[in-house]
Amino acid sequence: MLGIGFAGYSAYPMGLATKGTYPTAFGIVNSVGQIGGACAPLAVGLLLDSYSWTSVFMYMLGTSLLCLLLLISVVEPIAQGAKK
C-alpha cells in the first residue's frame, strides 16, 4: 500500500518542479506532512483535555473544510506536450 500512496503523494510537486529542484520540493512537501501528522494528535489531545469531544469534532470539521478549500484551489500542472 505504501507504493500506491507514494505515487499520488509525489505527483503534484513532481509536476511543478524541475529535475534539479524536485528533491527540495518533495522534501518540503514531506516535512509539512510530517509536522501535520505529529501536531494534529497533540492538538486534539489538548482540546479534549481542555474541553469536550464536541470541540474535537469541530476541530476535525474545520480542518477538513480547510483541506477541501485548499484542494479546490489547486491548479493542476499541465504537461507541455498536452498544450495546443
Protein backbone atom coordinates (compact mmCIF):
# COMPACT_ATOMS: atom_id res chain seq x y z
CA MET A 1 0.00 0.00 0.00
CA LEU A 2 2.93 2.35 0.56
CA GLY A 3 3.83 2.19 -3.13
CA ILE A 4 0.32 3.19 -4.17
CA GLY A 5 0.21 6.19 -1.84
CA PHE A 6 3.71 7.36 -2.64
CA ALA A 7 2.98 7.95 -6.33
CA GLY A 8 -0.05 10.14 -5.63
CA TYR A 9 1.75 11.93 -2.82
CA SER A 10 4.68 12.93 -5.01
CA ALA A 11 2.81 13.64 -8.26
CA TYR A 12 1.98 17.27 -7.54
CA PRO A 13 5.48 18.52 -6.64
CA MET A 14 6.92 16.46 -9.50
CA GLY A 15 4.71 18.32 -11.98
CA LEU A 16 5.78 21.73 -10.68
CA ALA A 17 9.48 21.18 -10.12
CA THR A 18 12.38 20.71 -12.47
CA LYS A 19 14.70 17.74 -12.25
CA GLY A 20 17.17 19.76 -10.19
CA THR A 21 14.67 21.22 -7.74
CA TYR A 22 12.44 18.15 -7.29
CA PRO A 23 14.33 16.75 -4.25
CA THR A 24 13.93 20.08 -2.42
CA ALA A 25 10.26 20.39 -3.39
CA PHE A 26 9.50 16.85 -2.27
CA GLY A 27 11.42 17.44 0.96
CA ILE A 28 9.26 20.47 1.73
CA VAL A 29 6.03 18.57 1.00
CA ASN A 30 7.21 15.65 3.13
CA SER A 31 8.29 17.90 6.01
CA VAL A 32 4.97 19.72 6.15
CA GLY A 33 3.13 16.39 6.08
CA GLN A 34 5.26 15.04 8.92
CA ILE A 35 4.71 18.18 11.00
CA GLY A 36 0.95 17.91 10.46
CA GLY A 37 0.98 14.24 11.35
CA ALA A 38 2.81 14.99 14.60
CA CYS A 39 0.92 18.12 15.65
CA ALA A 40 -2.68 17.10 14.86
CA PRO A 41 -2.93 14.39 17.56
CA LEU A 42 -1.33 16.79 20.04
CA ALA A 43 -3.89 19.50 19.20
CA VAL A 44 -6.75 17.01 19.51
CA GLY A 45 -5.43 15.83 22.87
CA LEU A 46 -5.14 19.38 24.17
CA LEU A 47 -8.68 20.14 23.01
CA LEU A 48 -10.01 17.01 24.67
CA ASP A 49 -8.19 17.78 27.93
CA SER A 50 -9.48 21.37 28.00
CA TYR A 51 -12.97 21.00 26.55
CA SER A 52 -15.04 18.06 25.32
CA TRP A 53 -15.45 15.69 22.41
CA THR A 54 -17.58 18.32 20.68
CA SER A 55 -14.56 20.59 20.36
CA VAL A 56 -12.53 17.70 18.93
CA PHE A 57 -15.13 17.03 16.25
CA MET A 58 -15.44 20.75 15.49
CA TYR A 59 -11.65 20.87 15.07
CA MET A 60 -11.78 17.91 12.67
CA LEU A 61 -14.66 19.52 10.76
CA GLY A 62 -12.77 22.83 10.48
CA THR A 63 -9.54 21.24 9.32
CA SER A 64 -11.43 19.05 6.83
CA LEU A 65 -13.16 22.11 5.36
CA LEU A 66 -9.82 23.94 5.19
CA CYS A 67 -8.31 20.95 3.37
CA LEU A 68 -11.25 20.89 0.94
CA LEU A 69 -10.86 24.62 0.27
CA LEU A 70 -7.15 24.21 -0.40
CA LEU A 71 -7.78 21.19 -2.60
CA ILE A 72 -10.35 23.05 -4.69
CA SER A 73 -7.94 25.96 -5.18
CA VAL A 74 -5.12 23.77 -6.57
CA VAL A 75 -4.45 24.25 -10.26
CA GLU A 76 -3.08 21.04 -11.74
CA PRO A 77 0.10 21.38 -13.79
CA ILE A 78 -0.34 20.66 -17.49
CA ALA A 79 2.41 18.91 -19.41
CA GLN A 80 3.98 20.96 -22.19
CA GLY A 81 3.05 18.32 -24.78
CA ALA A 82 -0.62 18.44 -23.81
CA LYS A 83 -0.95 22.19 -24.54
CA LYS A 84 -2.18 23.06 -28.03
